[in-house]
Amino acid sequence: MTWIDRVTGEVAGAAGMDPGELALSGSDSETLLDVARIASHSSGDRTNAPLLCYVMGLARSSGRSLEELAEAVRRSADEPAP
């Protein structure tokens, strides 16, 4: 069992959820790591990476896919900073 699997199980337990509901696919992991990279590099502040991933997790409740939300991040990263 990997560290992320173990901790995901603990978080699921704390939330009263089945760990399978929180499991990340390989594709989801790659997307989140890409978004975290973009957040770090685009903002110049690596602490934005976990914060953005959390925001994206909240936004998933809208019914949008992780990939759709990641595309919004990618578009935003292409825009010049204000």
PDB file of N, CA and C in Angstrom:
ATOM      1  N   MET A   1       0.848  -1.171   0.000  1.00  0.00           N
ATOM      2  CA  MET A   1       0.000   0.000   0.000  1.00  0.00           C
ATOM      3  C   MET A   1       0.899   1.242   0.000  1.00  0.00           C
ATOM      4  N   THR A   2       0.564   2.188  -0.865  1.00  0.00           N
ATOM      5  CA  THR A   2       1.343   3.416  -0.941  1.00  0.00           C
ATOM      6  C   THR A   2       0.898   4.395   0.148  1.00  0.00           C
ATOM      7  N   TRP A   3       1.720   5.407   0.365  1.00  0.00           N
ATOM      8  CA  TRP A   3       1.390   6.427   1.352  1.00  0.00           C
ATOM      9  C   TRP A   3       0.061   7.095   1.014  1.00  0.00           C
ATOM     10  N   ILE A   4      -0.144   7.476  -0.251  1.00  0.00           N
ATOM     11  CA  ILE A   4      -1.377   8.171  -0.638  1.00  0.00           C
ATOM     12  C   ILE A   4      -2.589   7.268  -0.440  1.00  0.00           C
ATOM     13  N   ASP A   5      -2.453   5.976  -0.695  1.00  0.00           N
ATOM     14  CA  ASP A   5      -3.565   5.049  -0.476  1.00  0.00           C
ATOM     15  C   ASP A   5      -3.911   4.963   1.006  1.00  0.00           C
ATOM     16  N   ARG A   6      -2.884   4.882   1.839  1.00  0.00           N
ATOM     17  CA  ARG A   6      -3.101   4.770   3.292  1.00  0.00           C
ATOM     18  C   ARG A   6      -3.775   6.027   3.825  1.00  0.00           C
ATOM     19  N   VAL A   7      -3.258   7.191   3.452  1.00  0.00           N
ATOM     20  CA  VAL A   7      -3.816   8.442   3.961  1.00  0.00           C
ATOM     21  C   VAL A   7      -5.212   8.692   3.387  1.00  0.00           C
ATOM     22  N   THR A   8      -5.426   8.335   2.138  1.00  0.00           N
ATOM     23  CA  THR A   8      -6.754   8.461   1.547  1.00  0.00           C
ATOM     24  C   THR A   8      -7.752   7.620   2.329  1.00  0.00           C
ATOM     25  N   GLY A   9      -7.342   6.426   2.732  1.00  0.00           N
ATOM     26  CA  GLY A   9      -8.203   5.581   3.553  1.00  0.00           C
ATOM     27  C   GLY A   9      -8.532   6.235   4.884  1.00  0.00           C
ATOM     28  N   GLU A  10      -7.561   6.888   5.489  1.00  0.00           N
ATOM     29  CA  GLU A  10      -7.788   7.586   6.761  1.00  0.00           C
ATOM     30  C   GLU A  10      -8.739   8.771   6.576  1.00  0.00           C
ATOM     31  N   VAL A  11      -8.544   9.528   5.505  1.00  0.00           N
ATOM     32  CA  VAL A  11      -9.419  10.664   5.228  1.00  0.00           C
ATOM     33  C   VAL A  11     -10.838  10.173   4.956  1.00  0.00           C
ATOM     34  N   ALA A  12     -10.960   9.107   4.194  1.00  0.00           N
ATOM     35  CA  ALA A  12     -12.277   8.537   3.905  1.00  0.00           C
ATOM     36  C   ALA A  12     -12.962   8.116   5.203  1.00  0.00           C
ATOM     37  N   GLY A  13     -12.213   7.469   6.079  1.00  0.00           N
ATOM     38  CA  GLY A  13     -12.780   7.054   7.356  1.00  0.00           C
ATOM     39  C   GLY A  13     -13.259   8.236   8.178  1.00  0.00           C
ATOM     40  N   ALA A  14     -12.469   9.284   8.214  1.00  0.00           N
ATOM     41  CA  ALA A  14     -12.839  10.489   8.967  1.00  0.00           C
ATOM     42  C   ALA A  14     -14.091  11.143   8.394  1.00  0.00           C
ATOM     43  N   ALA A  15     -14.283  11.000   7.075  1.00  0.00           N
ATOM     44  CA  ALA A  15     -15.445  11.597   6.410  1.00  0.00           C
ATOM     45  C   ALA A  15     -16.631  10.644   6.357  1.00  0.00           C
ATOM     46  N   GLY A  16     -16.449   9.425   6.856  1.00  0.00           N
ATOM     47  CA  GLY A  16     -17.529   8.439   6.794  1.00  0.00           C
ATOM     48  C   GLY A  16     -17.801   7.955   5.386  1.00  0.00           C
ATOM     49  N   MET A  17     -16.749   7.883   4.581  1.00  0.00           N
ATOM     50  CA  MET A  17     -16.885   7.482   3.179  1.00  0.00           C
ATOM     51  C   MET A  17     -16.131   6.186   2.919  1.00  0.00           C
ATOM     52  N   ASP A  18     -16.474   5.534   1.840  1.00  0.00           N
ATOM     53  CA  ASP A  18     -15.734   4.375   1.369  1.00  0.00           C
ATOM     54  C   ASP A  18     -14.465   4.899   0.693  1.00  0.00           C
ATOM     55  N   PRO A  19     -13.290   4.340   0.997  1.00  0.00           N
ATOM     56  CA  PRO A  19     -12.046   4.816   0.373  1.00  0.00           C
ATOM     57  C   PRO A  19     -12.087   4.800  -1.154  1.00  0.00           C
ATOM     58  N   GLY A  20     -12.844   3.892  -1.733  1.00  0.00           N
ATOM     59  CA  GLY A  20     -12.956   3.824  -3.187  1.00  0.00           C
ATOM     60  C   GLY A  20     -13.551   5.082  -3.793  1.00  0.00           C
ATOM     61  N   GLU A  21     -14.356   5.799  -3.011  1.00  0.00           N
ATOM     62  CA  GLU A  21     -14.961   7.036  -3.504  1.00  0.00           C
ATOM     63  C   GLU A  21     -13.919   8.139  -3.685  1.00  0.00           C
ATOM     64  N   LEU A  22     -12.795   8.012  -2.993  1.00  0.00           N
ATOM     65  CA  LEU A  22     -11.751   9.036  -3.059  1.00  0.00           C
ATOM     66  C   LEU A  22     -10.525   8.596  -3.845  1.00  0.00           C
ATOM     67  N   ALA A  23     -10.530   7.374  -4.319  1.00  0.00           N
ATOM     68  CA  ALA A  23      -9.357   6.851  -5.025  1.00  0.00           C
ATOM     69  C   ALA A  23      -9.080   7.652  -6.292  1.00  0.00           C
ATOM     70  N   LEU A  24      -7.812   7.921  -6.529  1.00  0.00           N
ATOM     71  CA  LEU A  24      -7.390   8.648  -7.725  1.00  0.00           C
ATOM     72  C   LEU A  24      -6.970   7.673  -8.811  1.00  0.00           C
ATOM     73  N   SER A  25      -7.457   7.896 -10.013  1.00  0.00           N
ATOM     74  CA  SER A  25      -6.983   7.106 -11.145  1.00  0.00           C
ATOM     75  C   SER A  25      -5.615   7.655 -11.550  1.00  0.00           C
ATOM     76  N   GLY A  26      -4.911   6.910 -12.364  1.00  0.00           N
ATOM     77  CA  GLY A  26      -3.631   7.388 -12.886  1.00  0.00           C
ATOM     78  C   GLY A  26      -3.804   8.684 -13.660  1.00  0.00           C
ATOM     79  N   SER A  27      -4.868   8.776 -14.413  1.00  0.00           N
ATOM     80  CA  SER A  27      -5.156   9.973 -15.203  1.00  0.00           C
ATOM     81  C   SER A  27      -5.445  11.170 -14.298  1.00  0.00           C
ATOM     82  N   ASP A  28      -6.235  10.943 -13.250  1.00  0.00           N
ATOM     83  CA  ASP A  28      -6.534  12.021 -12.309  1.00  0.00           C
ATOM     84  C   ASP A  28      -5.260  12.498 -11.619  1.00  0.00           C
ATOM     85  N   SER A  29      -4.411  11.564 -11.240  1.00  0.00           N
ATOM     86  CA  SER A  29      -3.145  11.925 -10.590  1.00  0.00           C
ATOM     87  C   SER A  29      -2.300  12.797 -11.510  1.00  0.00           C
ATOM     88  N   GLU A  30      -2.192  12.392 -12.773  1.00  0.00           N
ATOM     89  CA  GLU A  30      -1.404  13.163 -13.739  1.00  0.00           C
ATOM     90  C   GLU A  30      -1.985  14.563 -13.933  1.00  0.00           C
ATOM     91  N   THR A  31      -3.312  14.657 -14.021  1.00  0.00           N
ATOM     92  CA  THR A  31      -3.960  15.954 -14.205  1.00  0.00           C
ATOM     93  C   THR A  31      -3.703  16.858 -13.009  1.00  0.00           C
ATOM     94  N   LEU A  32      -3.855  16.324 -11.795  1.00  0.00           N
ATOM     95  CA  LEU A  32      -3.628  17.134 -10.600  1.00  0.00           C
ATOM     96  C   LEU A  32      -2.174  17.573 -10.476  1.00  0.00           C
ATOM     97  N   LEU A  33      -1.261  16.689 -10.808  1.00  0.00           N
ATOM     98  CA  LEU A  33       0.150  17.070 -10.758  1.00  0.00           C
ATOM     99  C   LEU A  33       0.470  18.142 -11.793  1.00  0.00           C
ATOM    100  N   ASP A  34      -0.159  18.058 -12.956  1.00  0.00           N
ATOM    101  CA  ASP A  34       0.043  19.078 -13.988  1.00  0.00           C
ATOM    102  C   ASP A  34      -0.507  20.427 -13.522  1.00  0.00           C
ATOM    103  N   VAL A  35      -1.698  20.414 -12.939  1.00  0.00           N
ATOM    104  CA  VAL A  35      -2.309  21.650 -12.436  1.00  0.00           C
ATOM    105  C   VAL A  35      -1.451  22.242 -11.314  1.00  0.00           C
ATOM    106  N   ALA A  36      -0.942  21.392 -10.439  1.00  0.00           N
ATOM    107  CA  ALA A  36      -0.076  21.863  -9.350  1.00  0.00           C
ATOM    108  C   ALA A  36       1.193  22.504  -9.919  1.00  0.00           C
ATOM    109  N   ARG A  37       1.754  21.890 -10.948  1.00  0.00           N
ATOM    110  CA  ARG A  37       2.944  22.446 -11.603  1.00  0.00           C
ATOM    111  C   ARG A  37       2.639  23.815 -12.190  1.00  0.00           C
ATOM    112  N   ILE A  38       1.509  23.921 -12.880  1.00  0.00           N
ATOM    113  CA  ILE A  38       1.110  25.191 -13.486  1.00  0.00           C
ATOM    114  C   ILE A  38       0.936  26.255 -12.402  1.00  0.00           C
ATOM    115  N   ALA A  39       0.264  25.903 -11.324  1.00  0.00           N
ATOM    116  CA  ALA A  39       0.032  26.867 -10.243  1.00  0.00           C
ATOM    117  C   ALA A  39       1.349  27.365  -9.664  1.00  0.00           C
ATOM    118  N   SER A  40       2.261  26.452  -9.435  1.00  0.00           N
ATOM    119  CA  SER A  40       3.563  26.825  -8.873  1.00  0.00           C
ATOM    120  C   SER A  40       4.349  27.732  -9.804  1.00  0.00           C
ATOM    121  N   HIS A  41       4.455  27.323 -11.044  1.00  0.00           N
ATOM    122  CA  HIS A  41       5.285  28.058 -11.994  1.00  0.00           C
ATOM    123  C   HIS A  41       4.649  29.361 -12.454  1.00  0.00           C
ATOM    124  N   SER A  42       3.352  29.353 -12.685  1.00  0.00           N
ATOM    125  CA  SER A  42       2.682  30.563 -13.168  1.00  0.00           C
ATOM    126  C   SER A  42       2.628  31.645 -12.110  1.00  0.00           C
ATOM    127  N   SER A  43       2.441  31.229 -10.862  1.00  0.00           N
ATOM    128  CA  SER A  43       2.292  32.211  -9.790  1.00  0.00           C
ATOM    129  C   SER A  43       3.620  32.575  -9.143  1.00  0.00           C
ATOM    130  N   GLY A  44       4.625  31.703  -9.312  1.00  0.00           N
ATOM    131  CA  GLY A  44       5.890  31.920  -8.634  1.00  0.00           C
ATOM    132  C   GLY A  44       5.838  31.588  -7.155  1.00  0.00           C
ATOM    133  N   ASP A  45       4.751  30.952  -6.729  1.00  0.00           N
ATOM    134  CA  ASP A  45       4.571  30.614  -5.314  1.00  0.00           C
ATOM    135  C   ASP A  45       4.049  29.183  -5.219  1.00  0.00           C
ATOM    136  N   ARG A  46       4.906  28.285  -4.800  1.00  0.00           N
ATOM    137  CA  ARG A  46       4.526  26.871  -4.793  1.00  0.00           C
ATOM    138  C   ARG A  46       3.382  26.562  -3.837  1.00  0.00           C
ATOM    139  N   THR A  47       3.114  27.430  -2.867  1.00  0.00           N
ATOM    140  CA  THR A  47       1.993  27.154  -1.960  1.00  0.00           C
ATOM    141  C   THR A  47       0.646  27.261  -2.673  1.00  0.00           C
ATOM    142  N   ASN A  48       0.622  27.881  -3.850  1.00  0.00           N
ATOM    143  CA  ASN A  48      -0.620  27.942  -4.612  1.00  0.00           C
ATOM    144  C   ASN A  48      -1.023  26.584  -5.177  1.00  0.00           C
ATOM    145  N   ALA A  49      -0.089  25.659  -5.326  1.00  0.00           N
ATOM    146  CA  ALA A  49      -0.391  24.351  -5.913  1.00  0.00           C
ATOM    147  C   ALA A  49      -1.409  23.570  -5.077  1.00  0.00           C
ATOM    148  N   PRO A  50      -1.166  23.335  -3.785  1.00  0.00           N
ATOM    149  CA  PRO A  50      -2.165  22.587  -3.017  1.00  0.00           C
ATOM    150  C   PRO A  50      -3.456  23.374  -2.835  1.00  0.00           C
ATOM    151  N   LEU A  51      -3.345  24.692  -2.745  1.00  0.00           N
ATOM    152  CA  LEU A  51      -4.563  25.494  -2.591  1.00  0.00           C
ATOM    153  C   LEU A  51      -5.446  25.383  -3.830  1.00  0.00           C
ATOM    154  N   LEU A  52      -4.838  25.444  -5.011  1.00  0.00           N
ATOM    155  CA  LEU A  52      -5.606  25.313  -6.242  1.00  0.00           C
ATOM    156  C   LEU A  52      -6.221  23.919  -6.359  1.00  0.00           C
ATOM    157  N   CYS A  53      -5.484  22.898  -5.983  1.00  0.00           N
ATOM    158  CA  CYS A  53      -6.031  21.538  -6.037  1.00  0.00           C
ATOM    159  C   CYS A  53      -7.240  21.407  -5.115  1.00  0.00           C
ATOM    160  N   TYR A  54      -7.180  22.054  -3.967  1.00  0.00           N
ATOM    161  CA  TYR A  54      -8.328  22.046  -3.051  1.00  0.00           C
ATOM    162  C   TYR A  54      -9.520  22.763  -3.691  1.00  0.00           C
ATOM    163  N   VAL A  55      -9.266  23.933  -4.272  1.00  0.00           N
ATOM    164  CA  VAL A  55     -10.332  24.689  -4.942  1.00  0.00           C
ATOM    165  C   VAL A  55     -10.958  23.842  -6.050  1.00  0.00           C
ATOM    166  N   MET A  56     -10.115  23.140  -6.806  1.00  0.00           N
ATOM    167  CA  MET A  56     -10.639  22.290  -7.875  1.00  0.00           C
ATOM    168  C   MET A  56     -11.493  21.163  -7.299  1.00  0.00           C
ATOM    169  N   GLY A  57     -11.080  20.623  -6.160  1.00  0.00           N
ATOM    170  CA  GLY A  57     -11.886  19.590  -5.509  1.00  0.00           C
ATOM    171  C   GLY A  57     -13.259  20.112  -5.120  1.00  0.00           C
ATOM    172  N   LEU A  58     -13.299  21.319  -4.594  1.00  0.00           N
ATOM    173  CA  LEU A  58     -14.589  21.933  -4.264  1.00  0.00           C
ATOM    174  C   LEU A  58     -15.422  22.156  -5.525  1.00  0.00           C
ATOM    175  N   ALA A  59     -14.765  22.597  -6.585  1.00  0.00           N
ATOM    176  CA  ALA A  59     -15.469  22.883  -7.838  1.00  0.00           C
ATOM    177  C   ALA A  59     -16.041  21.622  -8.488  1.00  0.00           C
ATOM    178  N   ARG A  60     -15.482  20.469  -8.169  1.00  0.00           N
ATOM    179  CA  ARG A  60     -15.994  19.211  -8.738  1.00  0.00           C
ATOM    180  C   ARG A  60     -17.455  18.983  -8.348  1.00  0.00           C
ATOM    181  N   SER A  61     -17.889  19.583  -7.233  1.00  0.00           N
ATOM    182  CA  SER A  61     -19.286  19.399  -6.819  1.00  0.00           C
ATOM    183  C   SER A  61     -20.256  20.034  -7.819  1.00  0.00           C
ATOM    184  N   SER A  62     -19.739  20.857  -8.734  1.00  0.00           N
ATOM    185  CA  SER A  62     -20.576  21.469  -9.768  1.00  0.00           C
ATOM    186  C   SER A  62     -20.963  20.451 -10.840  1.00  0.00           C
ATOM    187  N   GLY A  63     -20.292  19.304 -10.809  1.00  0.00           N
ATOM    188  CA  GLY A  63     -20.567  18.287 -11.819  1.00  0.00           C
ATOM    189  C   GLY A  63     -19.589  18.317 -12.980  1.00  0.00           C
ATOM    190  N   ARG A  64     -18.706  19.307 -12.998  1.00  0.00           N
ATOM    191  CA  ARG A  64     -17.694  19.374 -14.056  1.00  0.00           C
ATOM    192  C   ARG A  64     -16.624  18.324 -13.815  1.00  0.00           C
ATOM    193  N   SER A  65     -16.035  17.864 -14.882  1.00  0.00           N
ATOM    194  CA  SER A  65     -14.977  16.864 -14.759  1.00  0.00           C
ATOM    195  C   SER A  65     -13.681  17.523 -14.328  1.00  0.00           C
ATOM    196  N   LEU A  66     -12.802  16.736 -13.772  1.00  0.00           N
ATOM    197  CA  LEU A  66     -11.492  17.229 -13.377  1.00  0.00           C
ATOM    198  C   LEU A  66     -10.769  17.806 -14.590  1.00  0.00           C
ATOM    199  N   GLU A  67     -10.886  17.156 -15.732  1.00  0.00           N
ATOM    200  CA  GLU A  67     -10.213  17.626 -16.943  1.00  0.00           C
ATOM    201  C   GLU A  67     -10.769  18.975 -17.401  1.00  0.00           C
ATOM    202  N   GLU A  68     -12.092  19.170 -17.311  1.00  0.00           N
ATOM    203  CA  GLU A  68     -12.672  20.467 -17.681  1.00  0.00           C
ATOM    204  C   GLU A  68     -12.127  21.584 -16.794  1.00  0.00           C
ATOM    205  N   LEU A  69     -12.036  21.312 -15.506  1.00  0.00           N
ATOM    206  CA  LEU A  69     -11.513  22.306 -14.575  1.00  0.00           C
ATOM    207  C   LEU A  69     -10.032  22.556 -14.830  1.00  0.00           C
ATOM    208  N   ALA A  70      -9.291  21.505 -15.147  1.00  0.00           N
ATOM    209  CA  ALA A  70      -7.864  21.655 -15.450  1.00  0.00           C
ATOM    210  C   ALA A  70      -7.671  22.507 -16.696  1.00  0.00           C
ATOM    211  N   GLU A  71      -8.554  22.366 -17.662  1.00  0.00           N
ATOM    212  CA  GLU A  71      -8.461  23.195 -18.875  1.00  0.00           C
ATOM    213  C   GLU A  71      -8.631  24.667 -18.541  1.00  0.00           C
ATOM    214  N   ALA A  72      -9.513  24.978 -17.596  1.00  0.00           N
ATOM    215  CA  ALA A  72      -9.685  26.372 -17.170  1.00  0.00           C
ATOM    216  C   ALA A  72      -8.388  26.894 -16.560  1.00  0.00           C
ATOM    217  N   VAL A  73      -7.708  26.059 -15.784  1.00  0.00           N
ATOM    218  CA  VAL A  73      -6.421  26.454 -15.197  1.00  0.00           C
ATOM    219  C   VAL A  73      -5.395  26.671 -16.300  1.00  0.00           C
ATOM    220  N   ARG A  74      -5.351  25.760 -17.265  1.00  0.00           N
ATOM    221  CA  ARG A  74      -4.376  25.884 -18.354  1.00  0.00           C
ATOM    222  C   ARG A  74      -4.608  27.155 -19.151  1.00  0.00           C
ATOM    223  N   ARG A  75      -5.868  27.484 -19.415  1.00  0.00           N
ATOM    224  CA  ARG A  75      -6.177  28.725 -20.145  1.00  0.00           C
ATOM    225  C   ARG A  75      -5.734  29.937 -19.332  1.00  0.00           C
ATOM    226  N   SER A  76      -6.007  29.905 -18.051  1.00  0.00           N
ATOM    227  CA  SER A  76      -5.650  31.021 -17.184  1.00  0.00           C
ATOM    228  C   SER A  76      -4.138  31.213 -17.136  1.00  0.00           C
ATOM    229  N   ALA A  77      -3.399  30.114 -17.147  1.00  0.00           N
ATOM    230  CA  ALA A  77      -1.939  30.199 -17.082  1.00  0.00           C
ATOM    231  C   ALA A  77      -1.357  30.813 -18.346  1.00  0.00           C
ATOM    232  N   ASP A  78      -2.091  30.725 -19.450  1.00  0.00           N
ATOM    233  CA  ASP A  78      -1.616  31.287 -20.710  1.00  0.00           C
ATOM    234  C   ASP A  78      -1.827  32.794 -20.790  1.00  0.00           C
ATOM    235  N   GLU A  79      -2.657  33.337 -19.883  1.00  0.00           N
ATOM    236  CA  GLU A  79      -2.945  34.772 -19.889  1.00  0.00           C
ATOM    237  C   GLU A  79      -1.828  35.524 -19.175  1.00  0.00           C
ATOM    238  N   PRO A  80      -1.513  36.717 -19.642  1.00  0.00           N
ATOM    239  CA  PRO A  80      -0.492  37.505 -18.949  1.00  0.00           C
ATOM    240  C   PRO A  80      -0.969  37.926 -17.563  1.00  0.00           C
ATOM    241  N   ALA A  81      -0.052  38.009 -16.630  1.00  0.00           N
ATOM    242  CA  ALA A  81      -0.376  38.419 -15.267  1.00  0.00           C
ATOM    243  C   ALA A  81      -0.811  39.878 -15.263  1.00  0.00           C
ATOM    244  N   PRO A  82      -1.754  40.245 -14.371  1.00  0.00           N
ATOM    245  CA  PRO A  82      -2.218  41.649 -14.310  1.00  0.00           C
ATOM    246  C   PRO A  82      -1.138  42.576 -13.779  1.00  0.00           C
TER     247      PRO A  82
END
